Structure formats: structure tokens, C-alpha cells
PDB file of N, CA and C in Angstrom:
ATOM      1  N   MET A   1     -15.972 -17.107  -1.754  1.00  0.00           N
ATOM      2  CA  MET A   1     -16.565 -17.489  -0.491  1.00  0.00           C
ATOM      3  C   MET A   1     -17.721 -16.525  -0.184  1.00  0.00           C
ATOM      4  N   ILE A   2     -18.778 -17.071   0.309  1.00  0.00           N
ATOM      5  CA  ILE A   2     -19.937 -16.241   0.688  1.00  0.00           C
ATOM      6  C   ILE A   2     -19.681 -15.684   2.081  1.00  0.00           C
ATOM      7  N   ASP A   3     -19.931 -14.390   2.226  1.00  0.00           N
ATOM      8  CA  ASP A   3     -19.800 -13.777   3.546  1.00  0.00           C
ATOM      9  C   ASP A   3     -20.842 -14.356   4.483  1.00  0.00           C
ATOM     10  N   MET A   4     -20.402 -14.744   5.645  1.00  0.00           N
ATOM     11  CA  MET A   4     -21.311 -15.287   6.622  1.00  0.00           C
ATOM     12  C   MET A   4     -21.940 -14.136   7.431  1.00  0.00           C
ATOM     13  N   VAL A   5     -23.060 -14.445   8.019  1.00  0.00           N
ATOM     14  CA  VAL A   5     -23.731 -13.445   8.865  1.00  0.00           C
ATOM     15  C   VAL A   5     -22.846 -13.177  10.068  1.00  0.00           C
ATOM     16  N   LYS A   6     -22.753 -11.938  10.480  1.00  0.00           N
ATOM     17  CA  LYS A   6     -21.921 -11.550  11.615  1.00  0.00           C
ATOM     18  C   LYS A   6     -22.439 -12.273  12.877  1.00  0.00           C
ATOM     19  N   LEU A   7     -21.550 -13.016  13.521  1.00  0.00           N
ATOM     20  CA  LEU A   7     -21.917 -13.708  14.739  1.00  0.00           C
ATOM     21  C   LEU A   7     -21.505 -12.864  15.933  1.00  0.00           C
ATOM     22  N   PRO A   8     -22.457 -12.405  16.743  1.00  0.00           N
ATOM     23  CA  PRO A   8     -22.131 -11.536  17.867  1.00  0.00           C
ATOM     24  C   PRO A   8     -21.125 -12.199  18.824  1.00  0.00           C
ATOM     25  N   GLY A   9     -20.136 -11.444  19.240  1.00  0.00           N
ATOM     26  CA  GLY A   9     -19.135 -11.941  20.167  1.00  0.00           C
ATOM     27  C   GLY A   9     -17.966 -12.640  19.528  1.00  0.00           C
ATOM     28  N   TYR A  10     -17.946 -12.718  18.195  1.00  0.00           N
ATOM     29  CA  TYR A  10     -16.844 -13.437  17.509  1.00  0.00           C
ATOM     30  C   TYR A  10     -16.301 -12.582  16.374  1.00  0.00           C
ATOM     31  N   TYR A  11     -15.020 -12.756  16.088  1.00  0.00           N
ATOM     32  CA  TYR A  11     -14.365 -12.131  14.926  1.00  0.00           C
ATOM     33  C   TYR A  11     -13.973 -13.222  13.915  1.00  0.00           C
ATOM     34  N   THR A  12     -14.012 -12.894  12.667  1.00  0.00           N
ATOM     35  CA  THR A  12     -13.406 -13.730  11.650  1.00  0.00           C
ATOM     36  C   THR A  12     -11.865 -13.488  11.793  1.00  0.00           C
ATOM     37  N   LEU A  13     -11.093 -14.276  11.088  1.00  0.00           N
ATOM     38  CA  LEU A  13      -9.637 -14.078  11.136  1.00  0.00           C
ATOM     39  C   LEU A  13      -9.252 -12.725  10.588  1.00  0.00           C
ATOM     40  N   ASN A  14      -9.938 -12.275   9.556  1.00  0.00           N
ATOM     41  CA  ASN A  14      -9.658 -10.950   8.978  1.00  0.00           C
ATOM     42  C   ASN A  14      -9.948  -9.828   9.999  1.00  0.00           C
ATOM     43  N   GLU A  15     -11.078  -9.951  10.674  1.00  0.00           N
ATOM     44  CA  GLU A  15     -11.434  -8.944  11.688  1.00  0.00           C
ATOM     45  C   GLU A  15     -10.452  -8.988  12.883  1.00  0.00           C
ATOM     46  N   ALA A  16     -10.054 -10.200  13.300  1.00  0.00           N
ATOM     47  CA  ALA A  16      -9.084 -10.302  14.380  1.00  0.00           C
ATOM     48  C   ALA A  16      -7.762  -9.687  13.971  1.00  0.00           C
ATOM     49  N   ALA A  17      -7.366  -9.914  12.705  1.00  0.00           N
ATOM     50  CA  ALA A  17      -6.111  -9.344  12.209  1.00  0.00           C
ATOM     51  C   ALA A  17      -6.163  -7.819  12.242  1.00  0.00           C
ATOM     52  N   GLU A  18      -7.295  -7.254  11.916  1.00  0.00           N
ATOM     53  CA  GLU A  18      -7.442  -5.803  11.949  1.00  0.00           C
ATOM     54  C   GLU A  18      -7.313  -5.271  13.400  1.00  0.00           C
ATOM     55  N   VAL A  19      -7.977  -5.941  14.323  1.00  0.00           N
ATOM     56  CA  VAL A  19      -7.938  -5.541  15.724  1.00  0.00           C
ATOM     57  C   VAL A  19      -6.508  -5.642  16.263  1.00  0.00           C
ATOM     58  N   LEU A  20      -5.802  -6.702  15.906  1.00  0.00           N
ATOM     59  CA  LEU A  20      -4.442  -6.950  16.423  1.00  0.00           C
ATOM     60  C   LEU A  20      -3.359  -6.220  15.597  1.00  0.00           C
ATOM     61  N   ALA A  21      -3.761  -5.551  14.540  1.00  0.00           N
ATOM     62  CA  ALA A  21      -2.809  -4.884  13.638  1.00  0.00           C
ATOM     63  C   ALA A  21      -1.754  -5.889  13.085  1.00  0.00           C
ATOM     64  N   ARG A  22      -2.240  -7.038  12.702  1.00  0.00           N
ATOM     65  CA  ARG A  22      -1.388  -8.077  12.119  1.00  0.00           C
ATOM     66  C   ARG A  22      -2.067  -8.507  10.785  1.00  0.00           C
ATOM     67  N   SER A  23      -1.361  -9.266   9.985  1.00  0.00           N
ATOM     68  CA  SER A  23      -1.913  -9.776   8.735  1.00  0.00           C
ATOM     69  C   SER A  23      -2.822 -10.999   9.020  1.00  0.00           C
ATOM     70  N   HIS A  24      -3.661 -11.309   8.049  1.00  0.00           N
ATOM     71  CA  HIS A  24      -4.513 -12.485   8.150  1.00  0.00           C
ATOM     72  C   HIS A  24      -3.641 -13.726   8.323  1.00  0.00           C
ATOM     73  N   SER A  25      -2.547 -13.812   7.549  1.00  0.00           N
ATOM     74  CA  SER A  25      -1.707 -15.025   7.607  1.00  0.00           C
ATOM     75  C   SER A  25      -1.017 -15.113   8.995  1.00  0.00           C
ATOM     76  N   GLN A  26      -0.669 -13.991   9.606  1.00  0.00           N
ATOM     77  CA  GLN A  26      -0.074 -14.041  10.908  1.00  0.00           C
ATOM     78  C   GLN A  26      -1.065 -14.531  11.957  1.00  0.00           C
ATOM     79  N   VAL A  27      -2.299 -14.045  11.904  1.00  0.00           N
ATOM     80  CA  VAL A  27      -3.341 -14.506  12.841  1.00  0.00           C
ATOM     81  C   VAL A  27      -3.604 -15.989  12.630  1.00  0.00           C
ATOM     82  N   ALA A  28      -3.663 -16.409  11.373  1.00  0.00           N
ATOM     83  CA  ALA A  28      -3.848 -17.836  11.058  1.00  0.00           C
ATOM     84  C   ALA A  28      -2.714 -18.669  11.646  1.00  0.00           C
ATOM     85  N   ARG A  29      -1.497 -18.126  11.622  1.00  0.00           N
ATOM     86  CA  ARG A  29      -0.347 -18.792  12.197  1.00  0.00           C
ATOM     87  C   ARG A  29      -0.480 -18.905  13.719  1.00  0.00           C
ATOM     88  N   TYR A  30      -0.950 -17.819  14.371  1.00  0.00           N
ATOM     89  CA  TYR A  30      -1.217 -17.887  15.805  1.00  0.00           C
ATOM     90  C   TYR A  30      -2.212 -18.976  16.171  1.00  0.00           C
ATOM     91  N   VAL A  31      -3.242 -19.133  15.335  1.00  0.00           N
ATOM     92  CA  VAL A  31      -4.256 -20.165  15.548  1.00  0.00           C
ATOM     93  C   VAL A  31      -3.605 -21.549  15.361  1.00  0.00           C
ATOM     94  N   ARG A  32      -2.844 -21.698  14.286  1.00  0.00           N
ATOM     95  CA  ARG A  32      -2.227 -22.968  14.001  1.00  0.00           C
ATOM     96  C   ARG A  32      -1.232 -23.374  15.103  1.00  0.00           C
ATOM     97  N   LEU A  33      -0.532 -22.416  15.677  1.00  0.00           N
ATOM     98  CA  LEU A  33       0.430 -22.695  16.769  1.00  0.00           C
ATOM     99  C   LEU A  33      -0.252 -22.832  18.112  1.00  0.00           C
ATOM    100  N   GLY A  34      -1.545 -22.594  18.190  1.00  0.00           N
ATOM    101  CA  GLY A  34      -2.273 -22.750  19.453  1.00  0.00           C
ATOM    102  C   GLY A  34      -2.223 -21.515  20.337  1.00  0.00           C
ATOM    103  N   LEU A  35      -1.719 -20.402  19.826  1.00  0.00           N
ATOM    104  CA  LEU A  35      -1.653 -19.181  20.626  1.00  0.00           C
ATOM    105  C   LEU A  35      -3.030 -18.496  20.711  1.00  0.00           C
ATOM    106  N   LEU A  36      -3.874 -18.707  19.703  1.00  0.00           N
ATOM    107  CA  LEU A  36      -5.219 -18.219  19.697  1.00  0.00           C
ATOM    108  C   LEU A  36      -6.164 -19.401  19.455  1.00  0.00           C
ATOM    109  N   LYS A  37      -7.226 -19.480  20.214  1.00  0.00           N
ATOM    110  CA  LYS A  37      -8.187 -20.558  20.034  1.00  0.00           C
ATOM    111  C   LYS A  37      -9.298 -20.134  19.085  1.00  0.00           C
ATOM    112  N   ALA A  38      -9.464 -20.852  18.007  1.00  0.00           N
ATOM    113  CA  ALA A  38     -10.492 -20.541  17.016  1.00  0.00           C
ATOM    114  C   ALA A  38     -11.466 -21.709  16.898  1.00  0.00           C
ATOM    115  N   HIS A  39     -12.653 -21.407  16.392  1.00  0.00           N
ATOM    116  CA  HIS A  39     -13.692 -22.425  16.156  1.00  0.00           C
ATOM    117  C   HIS A  39     -14.043 -22.383  14.695  1.00  0.00           C
ATOM    118  N   ASN A  40     -14.367 -23.546  14.126  1.00  0.00           N
ATOM    119  CA  ASN A  40     -14.855 -23.614  12.767  1.00  0.00           C
ATOM    120  C   ASN A  40     -16.352 -23.388  12.738  1.00  0.00           C
ATOM    121  N   LEU A  41     -16.801 -22.503  11.901  1.00  0.00           N
ATOM    122  CA  LEU A  41     -18.207 -22.209  11.800  1.00  0.00           C
ATOM    123  C   LEU A  41     -18.518 -22.049  10.341  1.00  0.00           C
ATOM    124  N   GLY A  42     -19.209 -23.039   9.752  1.00  0.00           N
ATOM    125  CA  GLY A  42     -19.605 -22.952   8.357  1.00  0.00           C
ATOM    126  C   GLY A  42     -18.407 -22.863   7.428  1.00  0.00           C
ATOM    127  N   GLY A  43     -17.329 -23.569   7.734  1.00  0.00           N
ATOM    128  CA  GLY A  43     -16.147 -23.538   6.905  1.00  0.00           C
ATOM    129  C   GLY A  43     -15.248 -22.353   7.108  1.00  0.00           C
ATOM    130  N   GLN A  44     -15.573 -21.509   8.097  1.00  0.00           N
ATOM    131  CA  GLN A  44     -14.743 -20.313   8.377  1.00  0.00           C
ATOM    132  C   GLN A  44     -14.356 -20.347   9.846  1.00  0.00           C
ATOM    133  N   LYS A  45     -13.143 -19.939  10.142  1.00  0.00           N
ATOM    134  CA  LYS A  45     -12.673 -19.881  11.517  1.00  0.00           C
ATOM    135  C   LYS A  45     -13.122 -18.564  12.141  1.00  0.00           C
ATOM    136  N   VAL A  46     -13.580 -18.660  13.396  1.00  0.00           N
ATOM    137  CA  VAL A  46     -13.936 -17.474  14.154  1.00  0.00           C
ATOM    138  C   VAL A  46     -13.250 -17.561  15.518  1.00  0.00           C
ATOM    139  N   ILE A  47     -12.971 -16.373  16.087  1.00  0.00           N
ATOM    140  CA  ILE A  47     -12.309 -16.290  17.413  1.00  0.00           C
ATOM    141  C   ILE A  47     -13.158 -15.414  18.283  1.00  0.00           C
ATOM    142  N   ALA A  48     -13.361 -15.812  19.532  1.00  0.00           N
ATOM    143  CA  ALA A  48     -14.129 -15.019  20.478  1.00  0.00           C
ATOM    144  C   ALA A  48     -13.447 -13.643  20.657  1.00  0.00           C
ATOM    145  N   GLN A  49     -14.269 -12.615  20.664  1.00  0.00           N
ATOM    146  CA  GLN A  49     -13.739 -11.249  20.800  1.00  0.00           C
ATOM    147  C   GLN A  49     -12.938 -11.083  22.091  1.00  0.00           C
ATOM    148  N   THR A  50     -13.384 -11.680  23.186  1.00  0.00           N
ATOM    149  CA  THR A  50     -12.664 -11.563  24.440  1.00  0.00           C
ATOM    150  C   THR A  50     -11.254 -12.140  24.334  1.00  0.00           C
ATOM    151  N   ILE A  51     -11.114 -13.243  23.597  1.00  0.00           N
ATOM    152  CA  ILE A  51      -9.805 -13.872  23.406  1.00  0.00           C
ATOM    153  C   ILE A  51      -8.879 -12.921  22.648  1.00  0.00           C
ATOM    154  N   VAL A  52      -9.436 -12.293  21.609  1.00  0.00           N
ATOM    155  CA  VAL A  52      -8.665 -11.401  20.778  1.00  0.00           C
ATOM    156  C   VAL A  52      -8.204 -10.178  21.588  1.00  0.00           C
ATOM    157  N   HIS A  53      -9.118  -9.612  22.377  1.00  0.00           N
ATOM    158  CA  HIS A  53      -8.784  -8.396  23.140  1.00  0.00           C
ATOM    159  C   HIS A  53      -7.841  -8.683  24.300  1.00  0.00           C
ATOM    160  N   ASP A  54      -7.843  -9.918  24.792  1.00  0.00           N
ATOM    161  CA  ASP A  54      -6.910 -10.304  25.886  1.00  0.00           C
ATOM    162  C   ASP A  54      -5.569 -10.760  25.369  1.00  0.00           C
ATOM    163  N   PHE A  55      -5.430 -10.968  24.070  1.00  0.00           N
ATOM    164  CA  PHE A  55      -4.194 -11.523  23.477  1.00  0.00           C
ATOM    165  C   PHE A  55      -3.134 -10.465  23.282  1.00  0.00           C
ATOM    166  N   THR A  56      -1.926 -10.783  23.698  1.00  0.00           N
ATOM    167  CA  THR A  56      -0.776  -9.902  23.439  1.00  0.00           C
ATOM    168  C   THR A  56       0.089 -10.607  22.420  1.00  0.00           C
ATOM    169  N   PRO A  57       0.133 -10.051  21.186  1.00  0.00           N
ATOM    170  CA  PRO A  57       0.934 -10.723  20.156  1.00  0.00           C
ATOM    171  C   PRO A  57       2.398 -10.669  20.494  1.00  0.00           C
ATOM    172  N   PRO A  58       3.155 -11.691  20.095  1.00  0.00           N
ATOM    173  CA  PRO A  58       4.591 -11.658  20.299  1.00  0.00           C
ATOM    174  C   PRO A  58       5.210 -10.549  19.473  1.00  0.00           C
ATOM    175  N   PRO A  59       6.407 -10.112  19.835  1.00  0.00           N
ATOM    176  CA  PRO A  59       7.041  -9.029  19.072  1.00  0.00           C
ATOM    177  C   PRO A  59       7.257  -9.432  17.633  1.00  0.00           C
ATOM    178  N   ARG A  60       7.225  -8.475  16.730  1.00  0.00           N
ATOM    179  CA  ARG A  60       7.482  -8.751  15.318  1.00  0.00           C
ATOM    180  C   ARG A  60       8.991  -8.907  15.094  1.00  0.00           C
ATOM    181  N   GLY A  61       9.310  -9.619  14.052  1.00  0.00           N
ATOM    182  CA  GLY A  61      10.717  -9.758  13.660  1.00  0.00           C
ATOM    183  C   GLY A  61      11.295 -11.122  13.988  1.00  0.00           C
ATOM    184  N   ASN A  62      12.508 -11.297  13.606  1.00  0.00           N
ATOM    185  CA  ASN A  62      13.203 -12.552  13.819  1.00  0.00           C
ATOM    186  C   ASN A  62      13.588 -12.679  15.293  1.00  0.00           C
ATOM    187  N   PRO A  63      13.139 -13.755  15.948  1.00  0.00           N
ATOM    188  CA  PRO A  63      13.441 -13.929  17.371  1.00  0.00           C
ATOM    189  C   PRO A  63      14.929 -13.947  17.675  1.00  0.00           C
ATOM    190  N   ASN A  64      15.751 -14.389  16.701  1.00  0.00           N
ATOM    191  CA  ASN A  64      17.213 -14.432  16.923  1.00  0.00           C
ATOM    192  C   ASN A  64      17.820 -13.022  17.073  1.00  0.00           C
ATOM    193  N   PHE A  65      17.177 -12.036  16.459  1.00  0.00           N
ATOM    194  CA  PHE A  65      17.652 -10.666  16.529  1.00  0.00           C
ATOM    195  C   PHE A  65      17.018  -9.885  17.677  1.00  0.00           C
ATOM    196  N   LEU A  66      15.917 -10.427  18.227  1.00  0.00           N
ATOM    197  CA  LEU A  66      15.197  -9.757  19.273  1.00  0.00           C
ATOM    198  C   LEU A  66      15.711 -10.121  20.685  1.00  0.00           C
ATOM    199  N   ARG A  67      16.499 -11.185  20.743  1.00  0.00           N
ATOM    200  CA  ARG A  67      17.036 -11.629  22.032  1.00  0.00           C
ATOM    201  C   ARG A  67      18.009 -10.610  22.607  1.00  0.00           C
ATOM    202  N   LYS A  68      17.971 -10.467  23.918  1.00  0.00           N
ATOM    203  CA  LYS A  68      18.900  -9.578  24.599  1.00  0.00           C
ATOM    204  C   LYS A  68      20.310 -10.162  24.500  1.00  0.00           C
ATOM    205  N   LYS A  69      21.255  -9.277  24.301  1.00  0.00           N
ATOM    206  CA  LYS A  69      22.660  -9.697  24.270  1.00  0.00           C
ATOM    207  C   LYS A  69      23.174  -9.697  25.686  1.00  0.00           C
ATOM    208  N   ASP A  70      23.933 -10.701  26.046  1.00  0.00           N
ATOM    209  CA  ASP A  70      24.515 -10.783  27.401  1.00  0.00           C
ATOM    210  C   ASP A  70      25.703  -9.920  27.562  1.00  0.00           C
TER     211      ASP A  70
END
């Protein structure tokens, strides 16, 4: 894949993953689930920097083990 020119105000999925301290595949999953809104630009997904910085990722791990016990 050819590197695209840096678009001011937007992150690639790899850049967003670095900012969020998550993997590329996890950020792609957030996009697929609708938790992060991405745009297609030249065959590559980009996410607005403001969206990334305002996003609070869900906790890591299996949700069944993260639930509070009654």
C-alpha cells in the first residue's frame, strides 16, 4: 500500500491505535462496531483527531470476567 499524504486533523487507524494504546485490529473493531466513526479516503480509513481524543475505550479483557459480582 502506498502511504498517503498526511491529512491535517485526521489519524489513520494505525495512528489512532497508537494514540489509544490499542492494536490496529482493535481500533478497526471499534470502527466496525460503530464506536468510532471513520471515513474512507483513497482506500484507507481515517478518523478525526477530535473523535480519537474524546474516545474512552472500553476496558480490556473478557466482559464476563469484568462484571461486578453481586
